[in-house]
Amino acid sequence: MFARLRRTVLCLVCVGASLLASAATAGPARVRFVFDWPVPDFSIVPIVVGQKMGFYEKNGVSVDVAFPPDAQTTARMLATSQADIGFEPTTDVVFAVNQGLPLVAIANFTQRNSWCLIGRPGEPVDLSQLRGKSIGLFADSWSRAMMAFVLRKAHLGEHDVRLIVAQQDTLPLLLARRIDIATNGAAMGVAKLADTARAQPTLACNDSIGVPNIPVWVFTASPGWLAAHGATARAWLKGTSEAITWSLQHTDEAAALFTQAYPAAGSATYNTSGWAYTARLMTGPNGYFRQSDAQWHALTDALRSVGQIAQEKPASAYYTNAFLPD
């Protein structure tokens, strides 16, 4: 009897050891993160910091970063399980959800709209003088939507200006005087001019050009993946939050880590200037990440008013705060 009991205890010990070994072998949960653009830029400084400084590992996740073939593919990659968490403009979320794609925003990235009209140093942008001007923009959904607001504010139609769709970047076209005005995130304009001209661009943003002052970018995922991996999503956001905190406290060091990881993405000056500007946009009334009905209603109301969407869904169709870390 005692021999049998001893064998049972030994078996239980062996099973426990086996389970512990399996857990150790399994390691951190893998998260496949996909950017919104085919090439990296300083927007993913916190992701790199999370990888390099161990914030993701500390929270039990490992992160792989992927880049889509174009600016319209991120949502489809999430919907088809080619990636787990994405980085996208809020307009992409609205258009995807309205078209029936399984997508939801799980956290804000920045808290305000930093998309602007950008002029060369010393050349202010004046909406009353916009007629006949050549304006460089991208083919992404955010640029198209924001330009509709600009034209409405200026009482113009697309035929009244020359819209030049840039394949790579609008700012070199601006500096080469091939266009009159560029459009881009303010951080991009400030970084490019600091790097190439050692000067500040002129910026026209938000109310002055008629665009809503709401978050541009959000982190996204598919509802199906979240249902199966909610704890992983929460851990990923916790690691990202800690990486953002460190990156705001050490802006130069954070930018340097990104430059080392992606040397082709720009010079140290470019990345440092761009991240320093972006860092100012990270915190809202409730810290990082938290979204609101108000921001989504403001966006959908605005999109409907310029004919970008036919109808609005409830804000809850576009976002959730359920996975935010405590």
C-alpha atoms as a PDB file:
ATOM      1  CA  MET A   1       0.000   0.000   0.000  1.00  0.00           C
ATOM      2  CA  PHE A   2       2.757   2.437   0.978  1.00  0.00           C
ATOM      3  CA  ALA A   3       4.678   1.497  -2.177  1.00  0.00           C
ATOM      4  CA  ARG A   4       1.584   2.212  -4.263  1.00  0.00           C
ATOM      5  CA  LEU A   5       1.109   5.573  -2.499  1.00  0.00           C
ATOM      6  CA  ARG A   6       4.751   6.382  -3.065  1.00  0.00           C
ATOM      7  CA  ARG A   7       4.421   5.590  -6.770  1.00  0.00           C
ATOM      8  CA  THR A   8       1.293   7.806  -6.968  1.00  0.00           C
ATOM      9  CA  VAL A   9       3.088  10.712  -5.287  1.00  0.00           C
ATOM     10  CA  LEU A  10       6.047  10.294  -7.598  1.00  0.00           C
ATOM     11  CA  CYS A  11       3.740  10.274 -10.618  1.00  0.00           C
ATOM     12  CA  LEU A  12       2.052  13.463  -9.434  1.00  0.00           C
ATOM     13  CA  VAL A  13       5.435  15.092  -8.958  1.00  0.00           C
ATOM     14  CA  CYS A  14       6.442  14.006 -12.456  1.00  0.00           C
ATOM     15  CA  VAL A  15       3.219  15.362 -13.956  1.00  0.00           C
ATOM     16  CA  GLY A  16       3.683  18.685 -12.129  1.00  0.00           C
ATOM     17  CA  ALA A  17       7.269  18.936 -13.313  1.00  0.00           C
ATOM     18  CA  SER A  18       6.152  18.129 -16.856  1.00  0.00           C
ATOM     19  CA  LEU A  19       3.510  20.869 -16.791  1.00  0.00           C
ATOM     20  CA  LEU A  20       6.025  23.396 -15.477  1.00  0.00           C
ATOM     21  CA  ALA A  21       8.489  22.386 -18.175  1.00  0.00           C
ATOM     22  CA  SER A  22       5.801  22.726 -20.849  1.00  0.00           C
ATOM     23  CA  ALA A  23       4.868  26.203 -19.579  1.00  0.00           C
ATOM     24  CA  ALA A  24       8.518  27.221 -19.597  1.00  0.00           C
ATOM     25  CA  THR A  25       8.944  25.846 -23.110  1.00  0.00           C
ATOM     26  CA  ALA A  26       5.844  27.657 -24.363  1.00  0.00           C
ATOM     27  CA  GLY A  27       7.400  31.018 -23.520  1.00  0.00           C
ATOM     28  CA  PRO A  28       5.727  34.396 -24.064  1.00  0.00           C
ATOM     29  CA  ALA A  29       2.592  34.797 -26.179  1.00  0.00           C
ATOM     30  CA  ARG A  30       3.462  35.861 -29.704  1.00  0.00           C
ATOM     31  CA  VAL A  31       1.866  39.025 -31.124  1.00  0.00           C
ATOM     32  CA  ARG A  32       2.147  39.819 -34.823  1.00  0.00           C
ATOM     33  CA  PHE A  33       1.978  43.620 -35.122  1.00  0.00           C
ATOM     34  CA  VAL A  34       1.330  45.191 -38.537  1.00  0.00           C
ATOM     35  CA  PHE A  35       1.962  48.863 -39.308  1.00  0.00           C
ATOM     36  CA  ASP A  36      -0.260  51.019 -41.547  1.00  0.00           C
ATOM     37  CA  TRP A  37       2.492  51.929 -44.019  1.00  0.00           C
ATOM     38  CA  PRO A  38       4.835  49.853 -46.215  1.00  0.00           C
ATOM     39  CA  VAL A  39       7.925  51.292 -44.510  1.00  0.00           C
ATOM     40  CA  PRO A  40       8.676  52.111 -40.852  1.00  0.00           C
ATOM     41  CA  ASP A  41       8.674  55.576 -39.359  1.00  0.00           C
ATOM     42  CA  PHE A  42       9.145  57.029 -35.868  1.00  0.00           C
ATOM     43  CA  SER A  43       5.486  56.320 -34.980  1.00  0.00           C
ATOM     44  CA  ILE A  44       6.634  52.857 -33.949  1.00  0.00           C
ATOM     45  CA  VAL A  45       9.295  54.129 -31.537  1.00  0.00           C
ATOM     46  CA  PRO A  46       7.294  52.699 -28.582  1.00  0.00           C
ATOM     47  CA  ILE A  47       7.065  49.289 -30.258  1.00  0.00           C
ATOM     48  CA  VAL A  48      10.835  49.168 -30.738  1.00  0.00           C
ATOM     49  CA  VAL A  49      11.404  50.374 -27.179  1.00  0.00           C
ATOM     50  CA  GLY A  50       9.029  47.695 -25.902  1.00  0.00           C
ATOM     51  CA  GLN A  51      11.067  45.064 -27.743  1.00  0.00           C
ATOM     52  CA  LYS A  52      14.541  46.377 -26.908  1.00  0.00           C
ATOM     53  CA  MET A  53      13.974  47.428 -23.294  1.00  0.00           C
ATOM     54  CA  GLY A  54      12.105  44.280 -22.283  1.00  0.00           C
ATOM     55  CA  PHE A  55       8.684  45.806 -21.579  1.00  0.00           C
ATOM     56  CA  TYR A  56       6.909  43.212 -23.709  1.00  0.00           C
ATOM     57  CA  GLU A  57       8.907  40.317 -22.276  1.00  0.00           C
ATOM     58  CA  LYS A  58       8.132  41.561 -18.761  1.00  0.00           C
ATOM     59  CA  ASN A  59       4.412  41.318 -19.579  1.00  0.00           C
ATOM     60  CA  GLY A  60       4.635  37.877 -21.138  1.00  0.00           C
ATOM     61  CA  VAL A  61       4.506  38.711 -24.846  1.00  0.00           C
ATOM     62  CA  SER A  62       6.900  38.750 -27.768  1.00  0.00           C
ATOM     63  CA  VAL A  63       6.285  41.049 -30.718  1.00  0.00           C
ATOM     64  CA  ASP A  64       7.030  40.616 -34.411  1.00  0.00           C
ATOM     65  CA  VAL A  65       6.609  43.696 -36.637  1.00  0.00           C
ATOM     66  CA  ALA A  66       5.353  43.498 -40.226  1.00  0.00           C
ATOM     67  CA  PHE A  67       4.732  46.125 -42.899  1.00  0.00           C
ATOM     68  CA  PRO A  68       1.852  45.898 -45.386  1.00  0.00           C
ATOM     69  CA  PRO A  69       2.368  46.141 -49.145  1.00  0.00           C
ATOM     70  CA  ASP A  70       0.331  49.380 -49.260  1.00  0.00           C
ATOM     71  CA  ALA A  71      -1.657  51.759 -47.061  1.00  0.00           C
ATOM     72  CA  GLN A  72      -4.961  49.943 -47.645  1.00  0.00           C
ATOM     73  CA  THR A  73      -4.059  46.410 -46.513  1.00  0.00           C
ATOM     74  CA  THR A  74      -3.648  46.462 -42.724  1.00  0.00           C
ATOM     75  CA  ALA A  75      -7.332  45.885 -41.936  1.00  0.00           C
ATOM     76  CA  ARG A  76      -7.496  42.978 -44.380  1.00  0.00           C
ATOM     77  CA  MET A  77      -4.395  41.403 -42.839  1.00  0.00           C
ATOM     78  CA  LEU A  78      -6.098  41.468 -39.440  1.00  0.00           C
ATOM     79  CA  ALA A  79      -9.386  40.159 -40.831  1.00  0.00           C
ATOM     80  CA  THR A  80      -7.642  37.209 -42.513  1.00  0.00           C
ATOM     81  CA  SER A  81      -5.454  36.305 -39.490  1.00  0.00           C
ATOM     82  CA  GLN A  82      -2.210  37.386 -41.148  1.00  0.00           C
ATOM     83  CA  ALA A  83      -1.595  39.697 -38.166  1.00  0.00           C
ATOM     84  CA  ASP A  84      -2.966  40.167 -34.665  1.00  0.00           C
ATOM     85  CA  ILE A  85      -2.745  43.861 -33.760  1.00  0.00           C
ATOM     86  CA  GLY A  86      -2.581  46.726 -36.223  1.00  0.00           C
ATOM     87  CA  PHE A  87      -1.840  50.435 -36.401  1.00  0.00           C
ATOM     88  CA  GLU A  88      -4.336  52.368 -38.537  1.00  0.00           C
ATOM     89  CA  PRO A  89      -6.002  55.727 -39.100  1.00  0.00           C
ATOM     90  CA  THR A  90      -9.402  56.057 -37.489  1.00  0.00           C
ATOM     91  CA  THR A  91     -10.895  56.618 -40.938  1.00  0.00           C
ATOM     92  CA  ASP A  92      -9.742  53.124 -41.959  1.00  0.00           C
ATOM     93  CA  VAL A  93     -11.682  51.714 -39.009  1.00  0.00           C
ATOM     94  CA  VAL A  94     -14.870  53.550 -39.961  1.00  0.00           C
ATOM     95  CA  PHE A  95     -14.697  52.526 -43.608  1.00  0.00           C
ATOM     96  CA  ALA A  96     -13.811  48.908 -42.778  1.00  0.00           C
ATOM     97  CA  VAL A  97     -16.583  48.489 -40.202  1.00  0.00           C
ATOM     98  CA  ASN A  98     -19.139  50.154 -42.473  1.00  0.00           C
ATOM     99  CA  GLN A  99     -18.175  47.666 -45.189  1.00  0.00           C
ATOM    100  CA  GLY A 100     -18.594  44.708 -42.830  1.00  0.00           C
ATOM    101  CA  LEU A 101     -14.925  43.883 -42.176  1.00  0.00           C
ATOM    102  CA  PRO A 102     -14.295  42.434 -38.685  1.00  0.00           C
ATOM    103  CA  LEU A 103     -12.245  45.221 -37.126  1.00  0.00           C
ATOM    104  CA  VAL A 104     -12.291  47.230 -33.899  1.00  0.00           C
ATOM    105  CA  ALA A 105     -10.050  49.915 -32.387  1.00  0.00           C
ATOM    106  CA  ILE A 106      -8.651  48.831 -29.010  1.00  0.00           C
ATOM    107  CA  ALA A 107      -6.709  51.989 -28.053  1.00  0.00           C
ATOM    108  CA  ASN A 108      -5.811  55.474 -29.234  1.00  0.00           C
ATOM    109  CA  PHE A 109      -2.214  56.064 -30.250  1.00  0.00           C
ATOM    110  CA  THR A 110      -2.004  59.845 -30.316  1.00  0.00           C
ATOM    111  CA  GLN A 111      -4.804  61.947 -28.845  1.00  0.00           C
ATOM    112  CA  ARG A 112      -5.149  64.816 -31.335  1.00  0.00           C
ATOM    113  CA  ASN A 113      -5.242  65.457 -35.071  1.00  0.00           C
ATOM    114  CA  SER A 114      -1.754  66.401 -36.231  1.00  0.00           C
ATOM    115  CA  TRP A 115      -2.543  66.283 -39.978  1.00  0.00           C
ATOM    116  CA  CYS A 116      -1.777  69.697 -41.480  1.00  0.00           C
ATOM    117  CA  LEU A 117      -1.216  71.696 -44.613  1.00  0.00           C
ATOM    118  CA  ILE A 118       2.530  72.323 -44.747  1.00  0.00           C
ATOM    119  CA  GLY A 119       4.280  75.235 -46.400  1.00  0.00           C
ATOM    120  CA  ARG A 120       7.919  76.019 -46.977  1.00  0.00           C
ATOM    121  CA  PRO A 121       9.708  78.041 -44.267  1.00  0.00           C
ATOM    122  CA  GLY A 122       8.489  81.635 -44.318  1.00  0.00           C
ATOM    123  CA  GLU A 123       5.567  80.870 -46.660  1.00  0.00           C
ATOM    124  CA  PRO A 124       2.306  80.849 -44.655  1.00  0.00           C
ATOM    125  CA  VAL A 125      -0.578  78.700 -45.874  1.00  0.00           C
ATOM    126  CA  ASP A 126      -3.665  80.837 -46.539  1.00  0.00           C
ATOM    127  CA  LEU A 127      -6.951  79.077 -47.372  1.00  0.00           C
ATOM    128  CA  SER A 128      -8.234  82.179 -49.110  1.00  0.00           C
ATOM    129  CA  GLN A 129      -5.355  81.802 -51.587  1.00  0.00           C
ATOM    130  CA  LEU A 130      -5.777  78.062 -52.157  1.00  0.00           C
ATOM    131  CA  ARG A 131      -7.433  78.254 -55.585  1.00  0.00           C
ATOM    132  CA  GLY A 132      -5.106  77.069 -58.337  1.00  0.00           C
ATOM    133  CA  LYS A 133      -2.473  75.765 -55.918  1.00  0.00           C
ATOM    134  CA  SER A 134      -0.839  72.355 -56.329  1.00  0.00           C
ATOM    135  CA  ILE A 135      -1.260  70.253 -53.176  1.00  0.00           C
ATOM    136  CA  GLY A 136       0.629  67.046 -52.494  1.00  0.00           C
ATOM    137  CA  LEU A 137      -1.159  64.275 -50.607  1.00  0.00           C
ATOM    138  CA  PHE A 138      -1.199  60.509 -50.198  1.00  0.00           C
ATOM    139  CA  ALA A 139      -3.761  57.955 -51.350  1.00  0.00           C
ATOM    140  CA  ASP A 140      -4.653  56.776 -47.831  1.00  0.00           C
ATOM    141  CA  SER A 141      -8.158  57.184 -46.399  1.00  0.00           C
ATOM    142  CA  TRP A 142      -7.182  59.832 -43.835  1.00  0.00           C
ATOM    143  CA  SER A 143      -5.621  62.155 -46.432  1.00  0.00           C
ATOM    144  CA  ARG A 144      -8.638  61.858 -48.720  1.00  0.00           C
ATOM    145  CA  ALA A 145     -11.064  62.578 -45.874  1.00  0.00           C
ATOM    146  CA  MET A 146      -9.098  65.530 -44.470  1.00  0.00           C
ATOM    147  CA  MET A 147      -8.731  67.129 -47.881  1.00  0.00           C
ATOM    148  CA  ALA A 148     -12.516  67.086 -48.268  1.00  0.00           C
ATOM    149  CA  PHE A 149     -12.786  69.134 -45.054  1.00  0.00           C
ATOM    150  CA  VAL A 150     -10.106  71.570 -46.236  1.00  0.00           C
ATOM    151  CA  LEU A 151     -11.857  72.182 -49.542  1.00  0.00           C
ATOM    152  CA  ARG A 152     -15.201  72.704 -47.817  1.00  0.00           C
ATOM    153  CA  LYS A 153     -13.621  75.237 -45.442  1.00  0.00           C
ATOM    154  CA  ALA A 154     -12.070  77.048 -48.427  1.00  0.00           C
ATOM    155  CA  HIS A 155     -15.372  76.927 -50.397  1.00  0.00           C
ATOM    156  CA  LEU A 156     -13.615  75.096 -53.216  1.00  0.00           C
ATOM    157  CA  GLY A 157     -14.019  71.856 -55.136  1.00  0.00           C
ATOM    158  CA  GLU A 158     -11.347  69.413 -56.258  1.00  0.00           C
ATOM    159  CA  HIS A 159     -11.383  71.024 -59.697  1.00  0.00           C
ATOM    160  CA  ASP A 160     -10.267  74.331 -58.130  1.00  0.00           C
ATOM    161  CA  VAL A 161      -6.896  72.945 -57.000  1.00  0.00           C
ATOM    162  CA  ARG A 162      -4.343  70.513 -58.373  1.00  0.00           C
ATOM    163  CA  LEU A 163      -4.123  67.438 -56.154  1.00  0.00           C
ATOM    164  CA  ILE A 164      -0.823  65.604 -56.650  1.00  0.00           C
ATOM    165  CA  VAL A 165      -0.769  62.078 -55.197  1.00  0.00           C
ATOM    166  CA  ALA A 166       2.732  61.306 -53.936  1.00  0.00           C
ATOM    167  CA  GLN A 167       4.053  57.765 -54.246  1.00  0.00           C
ATOM    168  CA  GLN A 168       6.706  58.170 -51.539  1.00  0.00           C
ATOM    169  CA  ASP A 169       6.613  61.499 -49.698  1.00  0.00           C
ATOM    170  CA  THR A 170       5.073  64.932 -50.244  1.00  0.00           C
ATOM    171  CA  LEU A 171       7.788  66.888 -48.456  1.00  0.00           C
ATOM    172  CA  PRO A 172      10.637  66.443 -50.965  1.00  0.00           C
ATOM    173  CA  LEU A 173       8.218  67.685 -53.643  1.00  0.00           C
ATOM    174  CA  LEU A 174       7.515  70.743 -51.513  1.00  0.00           C
ATOM    175  CA  LEU A 175      11.182  71.517 -50.906  1.00  0.00           C
ATOM    176  CA  ALA A 176      11.957  71.048 -54.613  1.00  0.00           C
ATOM    177  CA  ARG A 177       9.111  73.518 -55.430  1.00  0.00           C
ATOM    178  CA  ARG A 178       7.281  70.937 -57.495  1.00  0.00           C
ATOM    179  CA  ILE A 179       4.167  71.554 -55.403  1.00  0.00           C
ATOM    180  CA  ASP A 180       2.933  74.624 -53.531  1.00  0.00           C
ATOM    181  CA  ILE A 181       1.648  72.909 -50.378  1.00  0.00           C
ATOM    182  CA  ALA A 182       2.245  69.506 -48.807  1.00  0.00           C
ATOM    183  CA  THR A 183      -0.054  67.508 -46.564  1.00  0.00           C
ATOM    184  CA  ASN A 184       1.270  65.223 -43.854  1.00  0.00           C
ATOM    185  CA  GLY A 185       1.463  64.749 -40.122  1.00  0.00           C
ATOM    186  CA  ALA A 186       2.991  67.822 -38.512  1.00  0.00           C
ATOM    187  CA  ALA A 187       5.698  65.640 -36.967  1.00  0.00           C
ATOM    188  CA  MET A 188       6.780  64.507 -40.438  1.00  0.00           C
ATOM    189  CA  GLY A 189       7.009  68.084 -41.675  1.00  0.00           C
ATOM    190  CA  VAL A 190       8.950  69.296 -38.663  1.00  0.00           C
ATOM    191  CA  ALA A 191      11.332  66.331 -38.837  1.00  0.00           C
ATOM    192  CA  LYS A 192      11.973  66.626 -42.579  1.00  0.00           C
ATOM    193  CA  LEU A 193      12.695  70.354 -42.446  1.00  0.00           C
ATOM    194  CA  ALA A 194      14.890  69.976 -39.356  1.00  0.00           C
ATOM    195  CA  ASP A 195      16.872  67.265 -41.148  1.00  0.00           C
ATOM    196  CA  THR A 196      17.244  68.835 -44.590  1.00  0.00           C
ATOM    197  CA  ALA A 197      16.833  72.596 -44.260  1.00  0.00           C
ATOM    198  CA  ARG A 198      17.581  73.201 -40.554  1.00  0.00           C
ATOM    199  CA  ALA A 199      14.390  75.257 -40.507  1.00  0.00           C
ATOM    200  CA  GLN A 200      10.767  75.053 -39.403  1.00  0.00           C
ATOM    201  CA  PRO A 201       7.950  74.602 -41.916  1.00  0.00           C
ATOM    202  CA  THR A 202       4.785  76.661 -41.752  1.00  0.00           C
ATOM    203  CA  LEU A 203       1.842  74.620 -40.496  1.00  0.00           C
ATOM    204  CA  ALA A 204      -1.905  75.154 -40.874  1.00  0.00           C
ATOM    205  CA  CYS A 205      -3.862  72.669 -38.770  1.00  0.00           C
ATOM    206  CA  ASN A 206      -7.174  71.799 -37.108  1.00  0.00           C
ATOM    207  CA  ASP A 207      -9.809  74.580 -36.959  1.00  0.00           C
ATOM    208  CA  SER A 208      -7.850  76.911 -39.215  1.00  0.00           C
ATOM    209  CA  ILE A 209      -8.243  74.450 -42.105  1.00  0.00           C
ATOM    210  CA  GLY A 210     -11.564  72.902 -41.119  1.00  0.00           C
ATOM    211  CA  VAL A 211     -10.436  69.440 -40.006  1.00  0.00           C
ATOM    212  CA  PRO A 212     -11.767  67.809 -36.812  1.00  0.00           C
ATOM    213  CA  ASN A 213      -9.298  67.731 -33.919  1.00  0.00           C
ATOM    214  CA  ILE A 214      -9.598  64.035 -33.081  1.00  0.00           C
ATOM    215  CA  PRO A 215      -7.112  61.150 -32.824  1.00  0.00           C
ATOM    216  CA  VAL A 216      -5.581  60.125 -36.138  1.00  0.00           C
ATOM    217  CA  TRP A 217      -4.186  56.684 -35.307  1.00  0.00           C
ATOM    218  CA  VAL A 218      -5.432  53.779 -33.241  1.00  0.00           C
ATOM    219  CA  PHE A 219      -4.352  50.239 -32.443  1.00  0.00           C
ATOM    220  CA  THR A 220      -6.750  47.716 -33.950  1.00  0.00           C
ATOM    221  CA  ALA A 221      -7.574  44.005 -33.943  1.00  0.00           C
ATOM    222  CA  SER A 222     -10.258  41.642 -35.172  1.00  0.00           C
ATOM    223  CA  PRO A 223     -13.060  40.779 -32.721  1.00  0.00           C
ATOM    224  CA  GLY A 224     -12.408  37.069 -33.336  1.00  0.00           C
ATOM    225  CA  TRP A 225      -8.756  37.299 -32.309  1.00  0.00           C
ATOM    226  CA  LEU A 226      -9.662  39.376 -29.251  1.00  0.00           C
ATOM    227  CA  ALA A 227     -12.261  36.833 -28.138  1.00  0.00           C
ATOM    228  CA  ALA A 228      -9.607  34.116 -28.159  1.00  0.00           C
ATOM    229  CA  HIS A 229      -6.630  36.195 -26.992  1.00  0.00           C
ATOM    230  CA  GLY A 230      -8.016  38.933 -24.743  1.00  0.00           C
ATOM    231  CA  ALA A 231      -5.358  38.424 -22.068  1.00  0.00           C
ATOM    232  CA  THR A 232      -2.620  38.700 -24.696  1.00  0.00           C
ATOM    233  CA  ALA A 233      -4.110  41.921 -26.075  1.00  0.00           C
ATOM    234  CA  ARG A 234      -4.216  43.392 -22.568  1.00  0.00           C
ATOM    235  CA  ALA A 235      -0.621  42.320 -21.871  1.00  0.00           C
ATOM    236  CA  TRP A 236       0.520  43.818 -25.183  1.00  0.00           C
ATOM    237  CA  LEU A 237      -1.137  47.132 -24.339  1.00  0.00           C
ATOM    238  CA  LYS A 238       0.417  47.057 -20.870  1.00  0.00           C
ATOM    239  CA  GLY A 239       3.870  46.557 -22.369  1.00  0.00           C
ATOM    240  CA  THR A 240       3.209  49.296 -24.922  1.00  0.00           C
ATOM    241  CA  SER A 241       2.039  51.669 -22.184  1.00  0.00           C
ATOM    242  CA  GLU A 242       5.232  51.097 -20.214  1.00  0.00           C
ATOM    243  CA  ALA A 243       7.293  51.579 -23.372  1.00  0.00           C
ATOM    244  CA  ILE A 244       5.505  54.869 -24.103  1.00  0.00           C
ATOM    245  CA  THR A 245       6.195  56.120 -20.572  1.00  0.00           C
ATOM    246  CA  TRP A 246       9.898  55.324 -20.925  1.00  0.00           C
ATOM    247  CA  SER A 247      10.000  56.829 -24.435  1.00  0.00           C
ATOM    248  CA  LEU A 248       8.459  60.103 -23.230  1.00  0.00           C
ATOM    249  CA  GLN A 249      10.989  60.302 -20.410  1.00  0.00           C
ATOM    250  CA  HIS A 250      13.936  59.465 -22.687  1.00  0.00           C
ATOM    251  CA  THR A 251      12.975  60.904 -26.084  1.00  0.00           C
ATOM    252  CA  ASP A 252      16.508  61.009 -27.522  1.00  0.00           C
ATOM    253  CA  GLU A 253      17.379  57.493 -26.360  1.00  0.00           C
ATOM    254  CA  ALA A 254      14.057  56.130 -27.640  1.00  0.00           C
ATOM    255  CA  ALA A 255      14.606  57.676 -31.065  1.00  0.00           C
ATOM    256  CA  ALA A 256      18.147  56.283 -31.119  1.00  0.00           C
ATOM    257  CA  LEU A 257      16.853  52.748 -30.473  1.00  0.00           C
ATOM    258  CA  PHE A 258      14.463  53.139 -33.415  1.00  0.00           C
ATOM    259  CA  THR A 259      17.243  54.476 -35.666  1.00  0.00           C
ATOM    260  CA  GLN A 260      19.419  51.487 -34.778  1.00  0.00           C
ATOM    261  CA  ALA A 261      16.577  49.060 -35.496  1.00  0.00           C
ATOM    262  CA  TYR A 262      15.563  50.705 -38.800  1.00  0.00           C
ATOM    263  CA  PRO A 263      18.549  52.640 -40.162  1.00  0.00           C
ATOM    264  CA  ALA A 264      16.905  53.079 -43.571  1.00  0.00           C
ATOM    265  CA  ALA A 265      13.925  54.901 -42.003  1.00  0.00           C
ATOM    266  CA  GLY A 266      15.766  58.207 -41.607  1.00  0.00           C
ATOM    267  CA  SER A 267      18.654  59.965 -39.942  1.00  0.00           C
ATOM    268  CA  ALA A 268      19.066  60.339 -36.214  1.00  0.00           C
ATOM    269  CA  THR A 269      18.111  64.017 -36.542  1.00  0.00           C
ATOM    270  CA  TYR A 270      14.949  63.166 -38.475  1.00  0.00           C
ATOM    271  CA  ASN A 271      13.821  60.459 -36.068  1.00  0.00           C
ATOM    272  CA  THR A 272      14.659  62.456 -32.945  1.00  0.00           C
ATOM    273  CA  SER A 273      12.781  65.542 -34.162  1.00  0.00           C
ATOM    274  CA  GLY A 274       9.814  63.485 -35.331  1.00  0.00           C
ATOM    275  CA  TRP A 275       9.505  61.457 -32.155  1.00  0.00           C
ATOM    276  CA  ALA A 276       9.886  64.533 -29.925  1.00  0.00           C
ATOM    277  CA  TYR A 277       6.935  66.143 -31.726  1.00  0.00           C
ATOM    278  CA  THR A 278       4.869  62.946 -31.639  1.00  0.00           C
ATOM    279  CA  ALA A 279       5.550  62.502 -27.928  1.00  0.00           C
ATOM    280  CA  ARG A 280       3.649  65.724 -27.230  1.00  0.00           C
ATOM    281  CA  LEU A 281       0.490  64.156 -28.666  1.00  0.00           C
ATOM    282  CA  MET A 282       0.478  60.911 -26.695  1.00  0.00           C
ATOM    283  CA  THR A 283      -1.326  61.923 -23.508  1.00  0.00           C
ATOM    284  CA  GLY A 284      -5.013  62.810 -23.202  1.00  0.00           C
ATOM    285  CA  PRO A 285      -7.322  63.692 -20.291  1.00  0.00           C
ATOM    286  CA  ASN A 286      -7.266  60.046 -19.174  1.00  0.00           C
ATOM    287  CA  GLY A 287      -3.633  59.261 -19.902  1.00  0.00           C
ATOM    288  CA  TYR A 288      -2.796  56.964 -22.803  1.00  0.00           C
ATOM    289  CA  PHE A 289      -5.070  54.933 -25.032  1.00  0.00           C
ATOM    290  CA  ARG A 290      -8.607  55.648 -23.756  1.00  0.00           C
ATOM    291  CA  GLN A 291     -11.147  56.270 -26.502  1.00  0.00           C
ATOM    292  CA  SER A 292     -14.565  57.907 -26.210  1.00  0.00           C
ATOM    293  CA  ASP A 293     -17.941  57.934 -27.910  1.00  0.00           C
ATOM    294  CA  ALA A 294     -17.405  61.650 -28.504  1.00  0.00           C
ATOM    295  CA  GLN A 295     -14.294  61.201 -30.661  1.00  0.00           C
ATOM    296  CA  TRP A 296     -15.953  58.563 -32.832  1.00  0.00           C
ATOM    297  CA  HIS A 297     -19.193  60.516 -33.182  1.00  0.00           C
ATOM    298  CA  ALA A 298     -17.160  63.590 -34.165  1.00  0.00           C
ATOM    299  CA  LEU A 299     -15.379  61.595 -36.855  1.00  0.00           C
ATOM    300  CA  THR A 300     -18.436  59.850 -38.293  1.00  0.00           C
ATOM    301  CA  ASP A 301     -20.500  63.060 -38.219  1.00  0.00           C
ATOM    302  CA  ALA A 302     -17.728  64.838 -40.092  1.00  0.00           C
ATOM    303  CA  LEU A 303     -17.284  62.037 -42.637  1.00  0.00           C
ATOM    304  CA  ARG A 304     -21.014  61.929 -43.324  1.00  0.00           C
ATOM    305  CA  SER A 305     -21.160  65.723 -43.697  1.00  0.00           C
ATOM    306  CA  VAL A 306     -18.652  65.624 -46.581  1.00  0.00           C
ATOM    307  CA  GLY A 307     -20.171  62.543 -48.219  1.00  0.00           C
ATOM    308  CA  GLN A 308     -17.433  60.074 -47.233  1.00  0.00           C
ATOM    309  CA  ILE A 309     -19.941  57.695 -45.601  1.00  0.00           C
ATOM    310  CA  ALA A 310     -23.689  57.292 -46.071  1.00  0.00           C
ATOM    311  CA  GLN A 311     -24.569  56.403 -42.502  1.00  0.00           C
ATOM    312  CA  GLU A 312     -23.061  56.233 -39.023  1.00  0.00           C
ATOM    313  CA  LYS A 313     -23.006  53.213 -36.794  1.00  0.00           C
ATOM    314  CA  PRO A 314     -23.056  53.409 -32.989  1.00  0.00           C
ATOM    315  CA  ALA A 315     -19.653  54.388 -31.599  1.00  0.00           C
ATOM    316  CA  SER A 316     -19.427  50.970 -29.934  1.00  0.00           C
ATOM    317  CA  ALA A 317     -19.246  49.386 -33.387  1.00  0.00           C
ATOM    318  CA  TYR A 318     -15.894  51.078 -33.958  1.00  0.00           C
ATOM    319  CA  TYR A 319     -14.062  50.845 -30.642  1.00  0.00           C
ATOM    320  CA  THR A 320     -13.663  49.168 -27.276  1.00  0.00           C
ATOM    321  CA  ASN A 321     -11.751  50.083 -24.116  1.00  0.00           C
ATOM    322  CA  ALA A 322     -12.234  46.574 -22.704  1.00  0.00           C
ATOM    323  CA  PHE A 323      -8.579  45.572 -23.142  1.00  0.00           C
ATOM    324  CA  LEU A 324      -6.906  48.619 -21.637  1.00  0.00           C
ATOM    325  CA  PRO A 325      -4.464  47.766 -18.857  1.00  0.00           C
ATOM    326  CA  ASP A 326      -5.381  48.668 -15.279  1.00  0.00           C
END
